[in-house]
ModelCIF file with pLDDT and N, C-alpha, C, O atoms, coordinates in Angstrom:
data_MODEL
#
_entry.id   MODEL 
#
_entity.id                         1 
_entity.type                       polymer 
_entity.pdbx_number_of_molecules   1 
#
_entity_poly.entity_id                      1 
_entity_poly.type                           'polypeptide(L)' 
_entity_poly.nstd_linkage                   no 
_entity_poly.nstd_monomer                   no 
_entity_poly.pdbx_seq_one_letter_code       LHHRDNERLIRTLRRLADIGNTVLVVEHDEDMMRAADHIVD 
_entity_poly.pdbx_seq_one_letter_code_can   LHHRDNERLIRTLRRLADIGNTVLVVEHDEDMMRAADHIVD 
_entity_poly.pdbx_strand_id                 A 
#
loop_
_entity_poly_seq.entity_id 
_entity_poly_seq.num 
_entity_poly_seq.mon_id 
_entity_poly_seq.hetero 
1 1  LEU n 
1 2  HIS n 
1 3  HIS n 
1 4  ARG n 
1 5  ASP n 
1 6  ASN n 
1 7  GLU n 
1 8  ARG n 
1 9  LEU n 
1 10 ILE n 
1 11 ARG n 
1 12 THR n 
1 13 LEU n 
1 14 ARG n 
1 15 ARG n 
1 16 LEU n 
1 17 ALA n 
1 18 ASP n 
1 19 ILE n 
1 20 GLY n 
1 21 ASN n 
1 22 THR n 
1 23 VAL n 
1 24 LEU n 
1 25 VAL n 
1 26 VAL n 
1 27 GLU n 
1 28 HIS n 
1 29 ASP n 
1 30 GLU n 
1 31 ASP n 
1 32 MET n 
1 33 MET n 
1 34 ARG n 
1 35 ALA n 
1 36 ALA n 
1 37 ASP n 
1 38 HIS n 
1 39 ILE n 
1 40 VAL n 
1 41 ASP n 
#
_struct_asym.id          A 
_struct_asym.entity_id   1 
#
loop_
_ma_qa_metric.id 
_ma_qa_metric.mode 
_ma_qa_metric.name 
_ma_qa_metric.software_group_id 
_ma_qa_metric.type 
1 global pLDDT . pLDDT 
2 local  pLDDT . pLDDT 
#
_ma_qa_metric_global.metric_id      1 
_ma_qa_metric_global.metric_value   88.80 
_ma_qa_metric_global.model_id       1 
_ma_qa_metric_global.ordinal_id     1 
#
loop_
_ma_qa_metric_local.label_asym_id 
_ma_qa_metric_local.label_comp_id 
_ma_qa_metric_local.label_seq_id 
_ma_qa_metric_local.metric_id 
_ma_qa_metric_local.metric_value 
_ma_qa_metric_local.model_id 
_ma_qa_metric_local.ordinal_id 
A LEU 1  2 73.00 1 1  
A HIS 2  2 75.00 1 2  
A HIS 3  2 79.00 1 3  
A ARG 4  2 77.00 1 4  
A ASP 5  2 75.00 1 5  
A ASN 6  2 81.00 1 6  
A GLU 7  2 83.00 1 7  
A ARG 8  2 79.00 1 8  
A LEU 9  2 82.00 1 9  
A ILE 10 2 88.00 1 10 
A ARG 11 2 86.00 1 11 
A THR 12 2 83.00 1 12 
A LEU 13 2 88.00 1 13 
A ARG 14 2 90.00 1 14 
A ARG 15 2 86.00 1 15 
A LEU 16 2 87.00 1 16 
A ALA 17 2 92.00 1 17 
A ASP 18 2 91.00 1 18 
A ILE 19 2 88.00 1 19 
A GLY 20 2 91.00 1 20 
A ASN 21 2 93.00 1 21 
A THR 22 2 95.00 1 22 
A VAL 23 2 94.00 1 23 
A LEU 24 2 96.00 1 24 
A VAL 25 2 94.00 1 25 
A VAL 26 2 94.00 1 26 
A GLU 27 2 92.00 1 27 
A HIS 28 2 90.00 1 28 
A ASP 29 2 90.00 1 29 
A GLU 30 2 92.00 1 30 
A ASP 31 2 92.00 1 31 
A MET 32 2 93.00 1 32 
A MET 33 2 93.00 1 33 
A ARG 34 2 93.00 1 34 
A ALA 35 2 93.00 1 35 
A ALA 36 2 95.00 1 36 
A ASP 37 2 95.00 1 37 
A HIS 38 2 96.00 1 38 
A ILE 39 2 96.00 1 39 
A VAL 40 2 96.00 1 40 
A ASP 41 2 95.00 1 41 
#
loop_
_atom_site.group_PDB 
_atom_site.id 
_atom_site.type_symbol 
_atom_site.label_atom_id 
_atom_site.label_alt_id 
_atom_site.label_comp_id 
_atom_site.label_asym_id 
_atom_site.label_entity_id 
_atom_site.label_seq_id 
_atom_site.pdbx_PDB_ins_code 
_atom_site.Cartn_x 
_atom_site.Cartn_y 
_atom_site.Cartn_z 
_atom_site.occupancy 
_atom_site.B_iso_or_equiv 
_atom_site.pdbx_formal_charge 
_atom_site.auth_seq_id 
_atom_site.auth_comp_id 
_atom_site.auth_asym_id 
_atom_site.auth_atom_id 
_atom_site.pdbx_PDB_model_num 
ATOM 1   N N  . LEU A 1 1  ? -38.409 30.090 -24.485 1.00 73.00 ? 1  LEU A N  1 
ATOM 2   C CA . LEU A 1 1  ? -37.160 30.118 -25.314 1.00 73.00 ? 1  LEU A CA 1 
ATOM 3   C C  . LEU A 1 1  ? -37.177 31.506 -25.365 1.00 73.00 ? 1  LEU A C  1 
ATOM 4   O O  . LEU A 1 1  ? -38.124 32.282 -25.242 1.00 73.00 ? 1  LEU A O  1 
ATOM 5   N N  . HIS A 1 2  ? -35.286 31.830 -25.685 1.00 75.00 ? 2  HIS A N  1 
ATOM 6   C CA . HIS A 1 2  ? -34.652 33.073 -25.326 1.00 75.00 ? 2  HIS A CA 1 
ATOM 7   C C  . HIS A 1 2  ? -34.864 33.101 -26.788 1.00 75.00 ? 2  HIS A C  1 
ATOM 8   O O  . HIS A 1 2  ? -34.889 32.069 -27.458 1.00 75.00 ? 2  HIS A O  1 
ATOM 9   N N  . HIS A 1 3  ? -35.083 34.810 -27.499 1.00 79.00 ? 3  HIS A N  1 
ATOM 10  C CA . HIS A 1 3  ? -34.870 34.474 -28.522 1.00 79.00 ? 3  HIS A CA 1 
ATOM 11  C C  . HIS A 1 3  ? -33.716 34.751 -29.612 1.00 79.00 ? 3  HIS A C  1 
ATOM 12  O O  . HIS A 1 3  ? -33.865 35.214 -30.743 1.00 79.00 ? 3  HIS A O  1 
ATOM 13  N N  . ARG A 1 4  ? -32.161 34.221 -28.779 1.00 77.00 ? 4  ARG A N  1 
ATOM 14  C CA . ARG A 1 4  ? -31.198 33.624 -29.480 1.00 77.00 ? 4  ARG A CA 1 
ATOM 15  C C  . ARG A 1 4  ? -31.972 31.837 -30.212 1.00 77.00 ? 4  ARG A C  1 
ATOM 16  O O  . ARG A 1 4  ? -31.925 31.304 -31.321 1.00 77.00 ? 4  ARG A O  1 
ATOM 17  N N  . ASP A 1 5  ? -32.548 31.484 -28.993 1.00 75.00 ? 5  ASP A N  1 
ATOM 18  C CA . ASP A 1 5  ? -33.000 29.931 -29.444 1.00 75.00 ? 5  ASP A CA 1 
ATOM 19  C C  . ASP A 1 5  ? -34.247 30.017 -30.179 1.00 75.00 ? 5  ASP A C  1 
ATOM 20  O O  . ASP A 1 5  ? -34.457 29.053 -30.915 1.00 75.00 ? 5  ASP A O  1 
ATOM 21  N N  . ASN A 1 6  ? -35.274 31.082 -30.162 1.00 81.00 ? 6  ASN A N  1 
ATOM 22  C CA . ASN A 1 6  ? -35.853 31.732 -31.553 1.00 81.00 ? 6  ASN A CA 1 
ATOM 23  C C  . ASN A 1 6  ? -35.834 31.006 -32.837 1.00 81.00 ? 6  ASN A C  1 
ATOM 24  O O  . ASN A 1 6  ? -36.632 30.294 -33.446 1.00 81.00 ? 6  ASN A O  1 
ATOM 25  N N  . GLU A 1 7  ? -34.080 31.644 -33.120 1.00 83.00 ? 7  GLU A N  1 
ATOM 26  C CA . GLU A 1 7  ? -33.800 31.631 -34.339 1.00 83.00 ? 7  GLU A CA 1 
ATOM 27  C C  . GLU A 1 7  ? -33.925 30.267 -34.876 1.00 83.00 ? 7  GLU A C  1 
ATOM 28  O O  . GLU A 1 7  ? -34.640 29.811 -35.768 1.00 83.00 ? 7  GLU A O  1 
ATOM 29  N N  . ARG A 1 8  ? -32.669 29.505 -33.770 1.00 79.00 ? 8  ARG A N  1 
ATOM 30  C CA . ARG A 1 8  ? -32.571 27.822 -34.018 1.00 79.00 ? 8  ARG A CA 1 
ATOM 31  C C  . ARG A 1 8  ? -33.262 27.214 -34.296 1.00 79.00 ? 8  ARG A C  1 
ATOM 32  O O  . ARG A 1 8  ? -33.172 26.433 -35.243 1.00 79.00 ? 8  ARG A O  1 
ATOM 33  N N  . LEU A 1 9  ? -34.574 27.406 -33.280 1.00 82.00 ? 9  LEU A N  1 
ATOM 34  C CA . LEU A 1 9  ? -35.697 26.357 -33.566 1.00 82.00 ? 9  LEU A CA 1 
ATOM 35  C C  . LEU A 1 9  ? -36.525 26.575 -35.136 1.00 82.00 ? 9  LEU A C  1 
ATOM 36  O O  . LEU A 1 9  ? -37.200 25.728 -35.721 1.00 82.00 ? 9  LEU A O  1 
ATOM 37  N N  . ILE A 1 10 ? -36.164 28.271 -35.664 1.00 88.00 ? 10 ILE A N  1 
ATOM 38  C CA . ILE A 1 10 ? -37.033 28.713 -37.072 1.00 88.00 ? 10 ILE A CA 1 
ATOM 39  C C  . ILE A 1 10 ? -36.371 27.569 -38.116 1.00 88.00 ? 10 ILE A C  1 
ATOM 40  O O  . ILE A 1 10 ? -36.882 26.760 -38.890 1.00 88.00 ? 10 ILE A O  1 
ATOM 41  N N  . ARG A 1 11 ? -35.022 27.889 -37.767 1.00 86.00 ? 11 ARG A N  1 
ATOM 42  C CA . ARG A 1 11 ? -34.077 27.139 -38.986 1.00 86.00 ? 11 ARG A CA 1 
ATOM 43  C C  . ARG A 1 11 ? -34.401 26.134 -38.896 1.00 86.00 ? 11 ARG A C  1 
ATOM 44  O O  . ARG A 1 11 ? -34.858 25.669 -39.941 1.00 86.00 ? 11 ARG A O  1 
ATOM 45  N N  . THR A 1 12 ? -34.384 25.322 -37.837 1.00 83.00 ? 12 THR A N  1 
ATOM 46  C CA . THR A 1 12 ? -34.839 23.859 -37.831 1.00 83.00 ? 12 THR A CA 1 
ATOM 47  C C  . THR A 1 12 ? -35.817 23.428 -38.487 1.00 83.00 ? 12 THR A C  1 
ATOM 48  O O  . THR A 1 12 ? -35.685 22.441 -39.212 1.00 83.00 ? 12 THR A O  1 
ATOM 49  N N  . LEU A 1 13 ? -37.107 24.148 -38.350 1.00 88.00 ? 13 LEU A N  1 
ATOM 50  C CA . LEU A 1 13 ? -38.501 23.851 -38.589 1.00 88.00 ? 13 LEU A CA 1 
ATOM 51  C C  . LEU A 1 13 ? -38.504 24.416 -40.434 1.00 88.00 ? 13 LEU A C  1 
ATOM 52  O O  . LEU A 1 13 ? -39.314 23.849 -41.166 1.00 88.00 ? 13 LEU A O  1 
ATOM 53  N N  . ARG A 1 14 ? -37.792 25.257 -40.908 1.00 90.00 ? 14 ARG A N  1 
ATOM 54  C CA . ARG A 1 14 ? -37.388 25.376 -42.017 1.00 90.00 ? 14 ARG A CA 1 
ATOM 55  C C  . ARG A 1 14 ? -37.128 24.762 -43.021 1.00 90.00 ? 14 ARG A C  1 
ATOM 56  O O  . ARG A 1 14 ? -37.367 24.880 -44.223 1.00 90.00 ? 14 ARG A O  1 
ATOM 57  N N  . ARG A 1 15 ? -36.246 23.621 -41.953 1.00 86.00 ? 15 ARG A N  1 
ATOM 58  C CA . ARG A 1 15 ? -35.052 22.376 -42.859 1.00 86.00 ? 15 ARG A CA 1 
ATOM 59  C C  . ARG A 1 15 ? -36.571 21.555 -42.693 1.00 86.00 ? 15 ARG A C  1 
ATOM 60  O O  . ARG A 1 15 ? -37.130 21.481 -43.787 1.00 86.00 ? 15 ARG A O  1 
ATOM 61  N N  . LEU A 1 16 ? -37.065 21.161 -41.989 1.00 87.00 ? 16 LEU A N  1 
ATOM 62  C CA . LEU A 1 16 ? -38.199 20.218 -42.501 1.00 87.00 ? 16 LEU A CA 1 
ATOM 63  C C  . LEU A 1 16 ? -39.171 20.654 -43.472 1.00 87.00 ? 16 LEU A C  1 
ATOM 64  O O  . LEU A 1 16 ? -39.846 19.965 -44.237 1.00 87.00 ? 16 LEU A O  1 
ATOM 65  N N  . ALA A 1 17 ? -39.144 21.671 -43.352 1.00 92.00 ? 17 ALA A N  1 
ATOM 66  C CA . ALA A 1 17 ? -40.143 22.158 -44.849 1.00 92.00 ? 17 ALA A CA 1 
ATOM 67  C C  . ALA A 1 17 ? -39.466 22.164 -45.940 1.00 92.00 ? 17 ALA A C  1 
ATOM 68  O O  . ALA A 1 17 ? -40.111 21.875 -46.948 1.00 92.00 ? 17 ALA A O  1 
ATOM 69  N N  . ASP A 1 18 ? -38.246 22.427 -46.081 1.00 91.00 ? 18 ASP A N  1 
ATOM 70  C CA . ASP A 1 18 ? -37.745 22.412 -47.256 1.00 91.00 ? 18 ASP A CA 1 
ATOM 71  C C  . ASP A 1 18 ? -37.159 20.955 -48.017 1.00 91.00 ? 18 ASP A C  1 
ATOM 72  O O  . ASP A 1 18 ? -36.781 20.681 -49.156 1.00 91.00 ? 18 ASP A O  1 
ATOM 73  N N  . ILE A 1 19 ? -37.287 20.298 -46.903 1.00 88.00 ? 19 ILE A N  1 
ATOM 74  C CA . ILE A 1 19 ? -37.106 18.612 -47.481 1.00 88.00 ? 19 ILE A CA 1 
ATOM 75  C C  . ILE A 1 19 ? -38.409 18.192 -47.943 1.00 88.00 ? 19 ILE A C  1 
ATOM 76  O O  . ILE A 1 19 ? -38.496 17.345 -48.832 1.00 88.00 ? 19 ILE A O  1 
ATOM 77  N N  . GLY A 1 20 ? -39.246 18.620 -47.508 1.00 91.00 ? 20 GLY A N  1 
ATOM 78  C CA . GLY A 1 20 ? -41.018 18.218 -48.740 1.00 91.00 ? 20 GLY A CA 1 
ATOM 79  C C  . GLY A 1 20 ? -41.195 18.432 -47.000 1.00 91.00 ? 20 GLY A C  1 
ATOM 80  O O  . GLY A 1 20 ? -40.044 18.473 -46.565 1.00 91.00 ? 20 GLY A O  1 
ATOM 81  N N  . ASN A 1 21 ? -41.880 18.536 -46.202 1.00 93.00 ? 21 ASN A N  1 
ATOM 82  C CA . ASN A 1 21 ? -42.552 18.389 -45.345 1.00 93.00 ? 21 ASN A CA 1 
ATOM 83  C C  . ASN A 1 21 ? -43.589 20.045 -45.101 1.00 93.00 ? 21 ASN A C  1 
ATOM 84  O O  . ASN A 1 21 ? -43.309 21.189 -45.457 1.00 93.00 ? 21 ASN A O  1 
ATOM 85  N N  . THR A 1 22 ? -44.700 19.556 -44.426 1.00 95.00 ? 22 THR A N  1 
ATOM 86  C CA . THR A 1 22 ? -45.651 21.113 -44.185 1.00 95.00 ? 22 THR A CA 1 
ATOM 87  C C  . THR A 1 22 ? -45.445 21.093 -42.732 1.00 95.00 ? 22 THR A C  1 
ATOM 88  O O  . THR A 1 22 ? -45.781 20.158 -42.005 1.00 95.00 ? 22 THR A O  1 
ATOM 89  N N  . VAL A 1 23 ? -44.865 22.191 -42.343 1.00 94.00 ? 23 VAL A N  1 
ATOM 90  C CA . VAL A 1 23 ? -45.111 22.719 -40.685 1.00 94.00 ? 23 VAL A CA 1 
ATOM 91  C C  . VAL A 1 23 ? -45.777 23.682 -40.151 1.00 94.00 ? 23 VAL A C  1 
ATOM 92  O O  . VAL A 1 23 ? -45.283 24.785 -39.915 1.00 94.00 ? 23 VAL A O  1 
ATOM 93  N N  . LEU A 1 24 ? -47.235 23.285 -39.853 1.00 96.00 ? 24 LEU A N  1 
ATOM 94  C CA . LEU A 1 24 ? -48.476 24.268 -39.385 1.00 96.00 ? 24 LEU A CA 1 
ATOM 95  C C  . LEU A 1 24 ? -48.284 24.395 -37.886 1.00 96.00 ? 24 LEU A C  1 
ATOM 96  O O  . LEU A 1 24 ? -48.505 23.456 -37.120 1.00 96.00 ? 24 LEU A O  1 
ATOM 97  N N  . VAL A 1 25 ? -47.874 25.562 -37.503 1.00 94.00 ? 25 VAL A N  1 
ATOM 98  C CA . VAL A 1 25 ? -47.422 26.479 -36.062 1.00 94.00 ? 25 VAL A CA 1 
ATOM 99  C C  . VAL A 1 25 ? -48.934 27.444 -35.730 1.00 94.00 ? 25 VAL A C  1 
ATOM 100 O O  . VAL A 1 25 ? -49.835 28.034 -36.327 1.00 94.00 ? 25 VAL A O  1 
ATOM 101 N N  . VAL A 1 26 ? -48.519 27.154 -34.513 1.00 94.00 ? 26 VAL A N  1 
ATOM 102 C CA . VAL A 1 26 ? -49.337 27.848 -33.961 1.00 94.00 ? 26 VAL A CA 1 
ATOM 103 C C  . VAL A 1 26 ? -49.263 28.628 -33.139 1.00 94.00 ? 26 VAL A C  1 
ATOM 104 O O  . VAL A 1 26 ? -49.601 28.167 -32.049 1.00 94.00 ? 26 VAL A O  1 
ATOM 105 N N  . GLU A 1 27 ? -48.872 29.989 -33.116 1.00 92.00 ? 27 GLU A N  1 
ATOM 106 C CA . GLU A 1 27 ? -47.571 31.286 -32.709 1.00 92.00 ? 27 GLU A CA 1 
ATOM 107 C C  . GLU A 1 27 ? -48.089 32.171 -32.700 1.00 92.00 ? 27 GLU A C  1 
ATOM 108 O O  . GLU A 1 27 ? -48.930 32.378 -33.575 1.00 92.00 ? 27 GLU A O  1 
ATOM 109 N N  . HIS A 1 28 ? -47.726 33.479 -31.312 1.00 90.00 ? 28 HIS A N  1 
ATOM 110 C CA . HIS A 1 28 ? -47.955 34.702 -31.425 1.00 90.00 ? 28 HIS A CA 1 
ATOM 111 C C  . HIS A 1 28 ? -46.373 35.382 -31.490 1.00 90.00 ? 28 HIS A C  1 
ATOM 112 O O  . HIS A 1 28 ? -46.252 36.559 -31.147 1.00 90.00 ? 28 HIS A O  1 
ATOM 113 N N  . ASP A 1 29 ? -45.368 34.737 -31.865 1.00 90.00 ? 29 ASP A N  1 
ATOM 114 C CA . ASP A 1 29 ? -44.288 35.289 -31.893 1.00 90.00 ? 29 ASP A CA 1 
ATOM 115 C C  . ASP A 1 29 ? -43.961 35.680 -32.926 1.00 90.00 ? 29 ASP A C  1 
ATOM 116 O O  . ASP A 1 29 ? -44.083 34.900 -33.870 1.00 90.00 ? 29 ASP A O  1 
ATOM 117 N N  . GLU A 1 30 ? -43.424 37.017 -33.171 1.00 92.00 ? 30 GLU A N  1 
ATOM 118 C CA . GLU A 1 30 ? -43.780 37.521 -34.411 1.00 92.00 ? 30 GLU A CA 1 
ATOM 119 C C  . GLU A 1 30 ? -42.493 37.256 -35.226 1.00 92.00 ? 30 GLU A C  1 
ATOM 120 O O  . GLU A 1 30 ? -42.773 37.301 -36.424 1.00 92.00 ? 30 GLU A O  1 
ATOM 121 N N  . ASP A 1 31 ? -41.205 37.000 -35.015 1.00 92.00 ? 31 ASP A N  1 
ATOM 122 C CA . ASP A 1 31 ? -39.822 36.335 -35.687 1.00 92.00 ? 31 ASP A CA 1 
ATOM 123 C C  . ASP A 1 31 ? -40.925 35.145 -36.346 1.00 92.00 ? 31 ASP A C  1 
ATOM 124 O O  . ASP A 1 31 ? -40.946 34.990 -37.567 1.00 92.00 ? 31 ASP A O  1 
ATOM 125 N N  . MET A 1 32 ? -41.658 34.482 -35.621 1.00 93.00 ? 32 MET A N  1 
ATOM 126 C CA . MET A 1 32 ? -41.980 33.202 -36.455 1.00 93.00 ? 32 MET A CA 1 
ATOM 127 C C  . MET A 1 32 ? -42.745 33.417 -37.420 1.00 93.00 ? 32 MET A C  1 
ATOM 128 O O  . MET A 1 32 ? -42.611 32.840 -38.499 1.00 93.00 ? 32 MET A O  1 
ATOM 129 N N  . MET A 1 33 ? -44.108 34.697 -37.052 1.00 93.00 ? 33 MET A N  1 
ATOM 130 C CA . MET A 1 33 ? -44.965 34.881 -38.236 1.00 93.00 ? 33 MET A CA 1 
ATOM 131 C C  . MET A 1 33 ? -44.252 35.483 -38.811 1.00 93.00 ? 33 MET A C  1 
ATOM 132 O O  . MET A 1 33 ? -44.986 35.821 -39.740 1.00 93.00 ? 33 MET A O  1 
ATOM 133 N N  . ARG A 1 34 ? -42.750 36.191 -39.132 1.00 93.00 ? 34 ARG A N  1 
ATOM 134 C CA . ARG A 1 34 ? -42.447 36.726 -40.567 1.00 93.00 ? 34 ARG A CA 1 
ATOM 135 C C  . ARG A 1 34 ? -41.648 35.827 -41.086 1.00 93.00 ? 34 ARG A C  1 
ATOM 136 O O  . ARG A 1 34 ? -40.996 36.274 -42.030 1.00 93.00 ? 34 ARG A O  1 
ATOM 137 N N  . ALA A 1 35 ? -41.360 34.234 -40.714 1.00 93.00 ? 35 ALA A N  1 
ATOM 138 C CA . ALA A 1 35 ? -40.686 32.957 -41.342 1.00 93.00 ? 35 ALA A CA 1 
ATOM 139 C C  . ALA A 1 35 ? -41.690 32.771 -41.851 1.00 93.00 ? 35 ALA A C  1 
ATOM 140 O O  . ALA A 1 35 ? -41.446 32.427 -43.008 1.00 93.00 ? 35 ALA A O  1 
ATOM 141 N N  . ALA A 1 36 ? -43.115 32.800 -41.606 1.00 95.00 ? 36 ALA A N  1 
ATOM 142 C CA . ALA A 1 36 ? -43.712 31.895 -42.477 1.00 95.00 ? 36 ALA A CA 1 
ATOM 143 C C  . ALA A 1 36 ? -44.401 32.288 -43.910 1.00 95.00 ? 36 ALA A C  1 
ATOM 144 O O  . ALA A 1 36 ? -44.665 33.345 -44.484 1.00 95.00 ? 36 ALA A O  1 
ATOM 145 N N  . ASP A 1 37 ? -44.514 31.276 -44.115 1.00 95.00 ? 37 ASP A N  1 
ATOM 146 C CA . ASP A 1 37 ? -44.883 31.305 -45.691 1.00 95.00 ? 37 ASP A CA 1 
ATOM 147 C C  . ASP A 1 37 ? -46.185 32.164 -45.892 1.00 95.00 ? 37 ASP A C  1 
ATOM 148 O O  . ASP A 1 37 ? -46.267 33.025 -46.769 1.00 95.00 ? 37 ASP A O  1 
ATOM 149 N N  . HIS A 1 38 ? -47.149 31.877 -45.049 1.00 96.00 ? 38 HIS A N  1 
ATOM 150 C CA . HIS A 1 38 ? -48.497 31.373 -45.386 1.00 96.00 ? 38 HIS A CA 1 
ATOM 151 C C  . HIS A 1 38 ? -48.830 31.714 -43.719 1.00 96.00 ? 38 HIS A C  1 
ATOM 152 O O  . HIS A 1 38 ? -48.332 31.015 -42.835 1.00 96.00 ? 38 HIS A O  1 
ATOM 153 N N  . ILE A 1 39 ? -49.810 32.974 -43.390 1.00 96.00 ? 39 ILE A N  1 
ATOM 154 C CA . ILE A 1 39 ? -50.258 33.180 -42.279 1.00 96.00 ? 39 ILE A CA 1 
ATOM 155 C C  . ILE A 1 39 ? -52.165 33.094 -42.124 1.00 96.00 ? 39 ILE A C  1 
ATOM 156 O O  . ILE A 1 39 ? -52.942 33.793 -42.774 1.00 96.00 ? 39 ILE A O  1 
ATOM 157 N N  . VAL A 1 40 ? -52.553 32.041 -41.088 1.00 96.00 ? 40 VAL A N  1 
ATOM 158 C CA . VAL A 1 40 ? -53.561 32.154 -41.294 1.00 96.00 ? 40 VAL A CA 1 
ATOM 159 C C  . VAL A 1 40 ? -54.212 33.334 -39.638 1.00 96.00 ? 40 VAL A C  1 
ATOM 160 O O  . VAL A 1 40 ? -54.261 33.147 -38.422 1.00 96.00 ? 40 VAL A O  1 
ATOM 161 N N  . ASP A 1 41 ? -54.480 34.165 -40.322 1.00 95.00 ? 41 ASP A N  1 
ATOM 162 C CA . ASP A 1 41 ? -55.325 35.258 -38.940 1.00 95.00 ? 41 ASP A CA 1 
ATOM 163 C C  . ASP A 1 41 ? -56.467 35.143 -38.093 1.00 95.00 ? 41 ASP A C  1 
ATOM 164 O O  . ASP A 1 41 ? -56.738 36.043 -37.298 1.00 95.00 ? 41 ASP A O  1 
#
């Protein structure tokens, strides 16, 4: 994904979490990590 599409993806995942779901992501991307509520390193 392009950097611009990363932001849209993060917004979508954030919305899934906001309506009452758990979103578990395996990821290396810095933007995704900074958007996370909790990180397991």
